[in-house]
PDB file of N, CA and C in Angstrom:
ATOM      1  N   MET A   1     -29.254  23.413  47.288  1.00  0.00           N
ATOM      2  CA  MET A   1     -29.146  24.742  46.670  1.00  0.00           C
ATOM      3  C   MET A   1     -27.969  24.787  45.692  1.00  0.00           C
ATOM      4  N   GLU A   2     -26.838  24.303  46.150  1.00  0.00           N
ATOM      5  CA  GLU A   2     -25.641  24.333  45.294  1.00  0.00           C
ATOM      6  C   GLU A   2     -25.851  23.496  44.034  1.00  0.00           C
ATOM      7  N   LYS A   3     -26.511  22.345  44.211  1.00  0.00           N
ATOM      8  CA  LYS A   3     -26.795  21.469  43.076  1.00  0.00           C
ATOM      9  C   LYS A   3     -27.642  22.208  42.033  1.00  0.00           C
ATOM     10  N   TYR A   4     -28.614  22.979  42.526  1.00  0.00           N
ATOM     11  CA  TYR A   4     -29.494  23.752  41.639  1.00  0.00           C
ATOM     12  C   TYR A   4     -28.682  24.770  40.840  1.00  0.00           C
ATOM     13  N   LEU A   5     -27.770  25.467  41.513  1.00  0.00           N
ATOM     14  CA  LEU A   5     -26.964  26.493  40.844  1.00  0.00           C
ATOM     15  C   LEU A   5     -26.048  25.877  39.795  1.00  0.00           C
ATOM     16  N   TRP A   6     -25.461  24.731  40.111  1.00  0.00           N
ATOM     17  CA  TRP A   6     -24.595  24.054  39.145  1.00  0.00           C
ATOM     18  C   TRP A   6     -25.400  23.599  37.938  1.00  0.00           C
ATOM     19  N   SER A   7     -26.618  23.099  38.185  1.00  0.00           N
ATOM     20  CA  SER A   7     -27.449  22.635  37.070  1.00  0.00           C
ATOM     21  C   SER A   7     -27.875  23.811  36.189  1.00  0.00           C
ATOM     22  N   GLN A   8     -28.099  24.982  36.794  1.00  0.00           N
ATOM     23  CA  GLN A   8     -28.426  26.188  36.025  1.00  0.00           C
ATOM     24  C   GLN A   8     -27.261  26.561  35.110  1.00  0.00           C
ATOM     25  N   ALA A   9     -26.057  26.535  35.653  1.00  0.00           N
ATOM     26  CA  ALA A   9     -24.867  26.867  34.866  1.00  0.00           C
ATOM     27  C   ALA A   9     -24.676  25.862  33.737  1.00  0.00           C
ATOM     28  N   TYR A  10     -24.918  24.589  34.034  1.00  0.00           N
ATOM     29  CA  TYR A  10     -24.792  23.534  33.026  1.00  0.00           C
ATOM     30  C   TYR A  10     -25.815  23.742  31.912  1.00  0.00           C
ATOM     31  N   LEU A  11     -27.033  24.088  32.304  1.00  0.00           N
ATOM     32  CA  LEU A  11     -28.114  24.325  31.344  1.00  0.00           C
ATOM     33  C   LEU A  11     -27.755  25.471  30.400  1.00  0.00           C
ATOM     34  N   HIS A  12     -27.226  26.544  30.942  1.00  0.00           N
ATOM     35  CA  HIS A  12     -26.831  27.697  30.130  1.00  0.00           C
ATOM     36  C   HIS A  12     -25.753  27.312  29.131  1.00  0.00           C
ATOM     37  N   SER A  13     -24.755  26.548  29.581  1.00  0.00           N
ATOM     38  CA  SER A  13     -23.673  26.147  28.682  1.00  0.00           C
ATOM     39  C   SER A  13     -24.205  25.213  27.597  1.00  0.00           C
ATOM     40  N   PHE A  14     -25.175  24.366  27.949  1.00  0.00           N
ATOM     41  CA  PHE A  14     -25.778  23.439  26.993  1.00  0.00           C
ATOM     42  C   PHE A  14     -26.525  24.200  25.900  1.00  0.00           C
ATOM     43  N   VAL A  15     -27.274  25.220  26.287  1.00  0.00           N
ATOM     44  CA  VAL A  15     -28.020  26.053  25.331  1.00  0.00           C
ATOM     45  C   VAL A  15     -27.048  26.756  24.386  1.00  0.00           C
ATOM     46  N   LEU A  16     -25.990  27.333  24.946  1.00  0.00           N
ATOM     47  CA  LEU A  16     -24.990  28.025  24.125  1.00  0.00           C
ATOM     48  C   LEU A  16     -24.291  27.053  23.183  1.00  0.00           C
ATOM     49  N   TYR A  17     -24.017  25.851  23.667  1.00  0.00           N
ATOM     50  CA  TYR A  17     -23.360  24.824  22.859  1.00  0.00           C
ATOM     51  C   TYR A  17     -24.234  24.448  21.664  1.00  0.00           C
ATOM     52  N   ASN A  18     -25.542  24.361  21.885  1.00  0.00           N
ATOM     53  CA  ASN A  18     -26.478  24.054  20.795  1.00  0.00           C
ATOM     54  C   ASN A  18     -26.488  25.150  19.740  1.00  0.00           C
ATOM     55  N   ILE A  19     -26.368  26.399  20.168  1.00  0.00           N
ATOM     56  CA  ILE A  19     -26.291  27.532  19.235  1.00  0.00           C
ATOM     57  C   ILE A  19     -25.033  27.393  18.378  1.00  0.00           C
ATOM     58  N   VAL A  20     -23.942  26.995  19.018  1.00  0.00           N
ATOM     59  CA  VAL A  20     -22.672  26.791  18.307  1.00  0.00           C
ATOM     60  C   VAL A  20     -22.837  25.703  17.255  1.00  0.00           C
ATOM     61  N   LEU A  21     -23.448  24.588  17.617  1.00  0.00           N
ATOM     62  CA  LEU A  21     -23.659  23.481  16.683  1.00  0.00           C
ATOM     63  C   LEU A  21     -24.501  23.916  15.493  1.00  0.00           C
ATOM     64  N   LYS A  22     -25.527  24.709  15.743  1.00  0.00           N
ATOM     65  CA  LYS A  22     -26.402  25.212  14.682  1.00  0.00           C
ATOM     66  C   LYS A  22     -25.591  26.056  13.697  1.00  0.00           C
ATOM     67  N   ASN A  23     -24.698  26.895  14.231  1.00  0.00           N
ATOM     68  CA  ASN A  23     -23.847  27.732  13.385  1.00  0.00           C
ATOM     69  C   ASN A  23     -22.875  26.884  12.576  1.00  0.00           C
ATOM     70  N   CYS A  24     -22.376  25.816  13.172  1.00  0.00           N
ATOM     71  CA  CYS A  24     -21.455  24.919  12.469  1.00  0.00           C
ATOM     72  C   CYS A  24     -22.162  24.263  11.290  1.00  0.00           C
ATOM     73  N   ASN A  25     -23.394  23.843  11.506  1.00  0.00           N
ATOM     74  CA  ASN A  25     -24.175  23.190  10.453  1.00  0.00           C
ATOM     75  C   ASN A  25     -24.461  24.140   9.294  1.00  0.00           C
ATOM     76  N   ASN A  26     -24.518  25.431   9.590  1.00  0.00           N
ATOM     77  CA  ASN A  26     -24.724  26.441   8.543  1.00  0.00           C
ATOM     78  C   ASN A  26     -23.415  26.788   7.842  1.00  0.00           C
ATOM     79  N   GLY A  27     -22.321  26.195   8.301  1.00  0.00           N
ATOM     80  CA  GLY A  27     -21.015  26.430   7.698  1.00  0.00           C
ATOM     81  C   GLY A  27     -20.398  27.751   8.114  1.00  0.00           C
ATOM     82  N   ASN A  28     -20.955  28.367   9.141  1.00  0.00           N
ATOM     83  CA  ASN A  28     -20.439  29.653   9.609  1.00  0.00           C
ATOM     84  C   ASN A  28     -19.416  29.403  10.716  1.00  0.00           C
ATOM     85  N   LEU A  29     -18.217  29.012  10.303  1.00  0.00           N
ATOM     86  CA  LEU A  29     -17.200  28.539  11.248  1.00  0.00           C
ATOM     87  C   LEU A  29     -16.674  29.650  12.144  1.00  0.00           C
ATOM     88  N   ALA A  30     -16.425  30.821  11.565  1.00  0.00           N
ATOM     89  CA  ALA A  30     -15.886  31.938  12.353  1.00  0.00           C
ATOM     90  C   ALA A  30     -16.861  32.328  13.458  1.00  0.00           C
ATOM     91  N   SER A  31     -18.122  32.402  13.101  1.00  0.00           N
ATOM     92  CA  SER A  31     -19.167  32.766  14.058  1.00  0.00           C
ATOM     93  C   SER A  31     -19.288  31.709  15.154  1.00  0.00           C
ATOM     94  N   SER A  32     -19.242  30.440  14.767  1.00  0.00           N
ATOM     95  CA  SER A  32     -19.391  29.365  15.744  1.00  0.00           C
ATOM     96  C   SER A  32     -18.187  29.319  16.683  1.00  0.00           C
ATOM     97  N   TYR A  33     -17.007  29.635  16.154  1.00  0.00           N
ATOM     98  CA  TYR A  33     -15.800  29.667  16.991  1.00  0.00           C
ATOM     99  C   TYR A  33     -15.925  30.760  18.051  1.00  0.00           C
ATOM    100  N   LEU A  34     -16.435  31.924  17.640  1.00  0.00           N
ATOM    101  CA  LEU A  34     -16.659  33.030  18.573  1.00  0.00           C
ATOM    102  C   LEU A  34     -17.689  32.651  19.628  1.00  0.00           C
ATOM    103  N   MET A  35     -18.752  31.988  19.198  1.00  0.00           N
ATOM    104  CA  MET A  35     -19.800  31.566  20.126  1.00  0.00           C
ATOM    105  C   MET A  35     -19.268  30.548  21.124  1.00  0.00           C
ATOM    106  N   LEU A  36     -18.440  29.637  20.645  1.00  0.00           N
ATOM    107  CA  LEU A  36     -17.866  28.609  21.515  1.00  0.00           C
ATOM    108  C   LEU A  36     -16.982  29.255  22.577  1.00  0.00           C
ATOM    109  N   THR A  37     -16.158  30.206  22.148  1.00  0.00           N
ATOM    110  CA  THR A  37     -15.293  30.939  23.075  1.00  0.00           C
ATOM    111  C   THR A  37     -16.144  31.686  24.095  1.00  0.00           C
ATOM    112  N   ALA A  38     -17.190  32.341  23.607  1.00  0.00           N
ATOM    113  CA  ALA A  38     -18.087  33.095  24.486  1.00  0.00           C
ATOM    114  C   ALA A  38     -18.794  32.173  25.471  1.00  0.00           C
ATOM    115  N   SER A  39     -19.236  31.009  25.004  1.00  0.00           N
ATOM    116  CA  SER A  39     -19.960  30.084  25.885  1.00  0.00           C
ATOM    117  C   SER A  39     -19.041  29.535  26.969  1.00  0.00           C
ATOM    118  N   CYS A  40     -17.791  29.243  26.620  1.00  0.00           N
ATOM    119  CA  CYS A  40     -16.812  28.776  27.618  1.00  0.00           C
ATOM    120  C   CYS A  40     -16.579  29.855  28.657  1.00  0.00           C
ATOM    121  N   PHE A  41     -16.405  31.069  28.188  1.00  0.00           N
ATOM    122  CA  PHE A  41     -16.145  32.207  29.070  1.00  0.00           C
ATOM    123  C   PHE A  41     -17.334  32.460  29.993  1.00  0.00           C
ATOM    124  N   LEU A  42     -18.542  32.476  29.411  1.00  0.00           N
ATOM    125  CA  LEU A  42     -19.756  32.731  30.191  1.00  0.00           C
ATOM    126  C   LEU A  42     -20.002  31.643  31.226  1.00  0.00           C
ATOM    127  N   THR A  43     -19.761  30.397  30.834  1.00  0.00           N
ATOM    128  CA  THR A  43     -19.960  29.282  31.766  1.00  0.00           C
ATOM    129  C   THR A  43     -18.998  29.398  32.934  1.00  0.00           C
ATOM    130  N   ALA A  44     -17.742  29.717  32.639  1.00  0.00           N
ATOM    131  CA  ALA A  44     -16.740  29.886  33.696  1.00  0.00           C
ATOM    132  C   ALA A  44     -17.137  31.026  34.631  1.00  0.00           C
ATOM    133  N   CYS A  45     -17.553  32.145  34.059  1.00  0.00           N
ATOM    134  CA  CYS A  45     -17.985  33.302  34.861  1.00  0.00           C
ATOM    135  C   CYS A  45     -19.191  32.938  35.713  1.00  0.00           C
ATOM    136  N   HIS A  46     -20.107  32.222  35.110  1.00  0.00           N
ATOM    137  CA  HIS A  46     -21.330  31.780  35.768  1.00  0.00           C
ATOM    138  C   HIS A  46     -20.987  30.951  37.008  1.00  0.00           C
ATOM    139  N   LEU A  47     -20.103  29.978  36.824  1.00  0.00           N
ATOM    140  CA  LEU A  47     -19.732  29.079  37.921  1.00  0.00           C
ATOM    141  C   LEU A  47     -18.986  29.825  39.015  1.00  0.00           C
ATOM    142  N   ILE A  48     -18.069  30.702  38.624  1.00  0.00           N
ATOM    143  CA  ILE A  48     -17.301  31.488  39.599  1.00  0.00           C
ATOM    144  C   ILE A  48     -18.242  32.395  40.387  1.00  0.00           C
ATOM    145  N   PHE A  49     -19.164  33.028  39.680  1.00  0.00           N
ATOM    146  CA  PHE A  49     -20.120  33.936  40.318  1.00  0.00           C
ATOM    147  C   PHE A  49     -20.978  33.194  41.346  1.00  0.00           C
ATOM    148  N   PHE A  50     -21.547  32.058  40.942  1.00  0.00           N
ATOM    149  CA  PHE A  50     -22.409  31.303  41.849  1.00  0.00           C
ATOM    150  C   PHE A  50     -21.626  30.707  43.009  1.00  0.00           C
ATOM    151  N   GLN A  51     -20.415  30.270  42.736  1.00  0.00           N
ATOM    152  CA  GLN A  51     -19.566  29.725  43.795  1.00  0.00           C
ATOM    153  C   GLN A  51     -19.305  30.817  44.830  1.00  0.00           C
ATOM    154  N   GLY A  52     -19.055  32.026  44.350  1.00  0.00           N
ATOM    155  CA  GLY A  52     -18.847  33.183  45.227  1.00  0.00           C
ATOM    156  C   GLY A  52     -20.086  33.481  46.050  1.00  0.00           C
ATOM    157  N   CYS A  53     -21.258  33.393  45.426  1.00  0.00           N
ATOM    158  CA  CYS A  53     -22.527  33.632  46.127  1.00  0.00           C
ATOM    159  C   CYS A  53     -22.740  32.607  47.229  1.00  0.00           C
ATOM    160  N   ILE A  54     -22.414  31.358  46.936  1.00  0.00           N
ATOM    161  CA  ILE A  54     -22.592  30.275  47.913  1.00  0.00           C
ATOM    162  C   ILE A  54     -21.680  30.502  49.117  1.00  0.00           C
ATOM    163  N   VAL A  55     -20.424  30.811  48.845  1.00  0.00           N
ATOM    164  CA  VAL A  55     -19.453  31.072  49.918  1.00  0.00           C
ATOM    165  C   VAL A  55     -19.918  32.255  50.759  1.00  0.00           C
ATOM    166  N   TYR A  56     -20.395  33.290  50.092  1.00  0.00           N
ATOM    167  CA  TYR A  56     -20.877  34.503  50.769  1.00  0.00           C
ATOM    168  C   TYR A  56     -22.095  34.182  51.640  1.00  0.00           C
ATOM    169  N   ALA A  57     -23.010  33.409  51.083  1.00  0.00           N
ATOM    170  CA  ALA A  57     -24.242  33.053  51.803  1.00  0.00           C
ATOM    171  C   ALA A  57     -23.942  32.182  53.023  1.00  0.00           C
ATOM    172  N   GLU A  58     -22.959  31.290  52.899  1.00  0.00           N
ATOM    173  CA  GLU A  58     -22.619  30.370  53.992  1.00  0.00           C
ATOM    174  C   GLU A  58     -22.127  31.117  55.232  1.00  0.00           C
ATOM    175  N   LYS A  59     -21.589  32.300  55.057  1.00  0.00           N
ATOM    176  CA  LYS A  59     -21.113  33.109  56.188  1.00  0.00           C
ATOM    177  C   LYS A  59     -22.269  33.543  57.086  1.00  0.00           C
ATOM    178  N   PHE A  60     -23.457  33.642  56.494  1.00  0.00           N
ATOM    179  CA  PHE A  60     -24.619  34.139  57.236  1.00  0.00           C
ATOM    180  C   PHE A  60     -25.544  33.023  57.716  1.00  0.00           C
ATOM    181  N   ILE A  61     -25.235  31.792  57.305  1.00  0.00           N
ATOM    182  CA  ILE A  61     -26.101  30.661  57.693  1.00  0.00           C
ATOM    183  C   ILE A  61     -25.573  30.040  58.985  1.00  0.00           C
TER     184      ILE A  61
END
């Protein structure tokens, strides 16, 4: 289960990273910088959230 959640978070960060690369190729540096910051933030939140869910769920198992 935990492996699945980590892979989901990784997948999301990978998708966001690709969006950033696309923006870089268009020469839109400011936009890509914002997207990169957002993707880092979202990935961190994602991992913290799922880690919290796992810890919470383990109390009931």
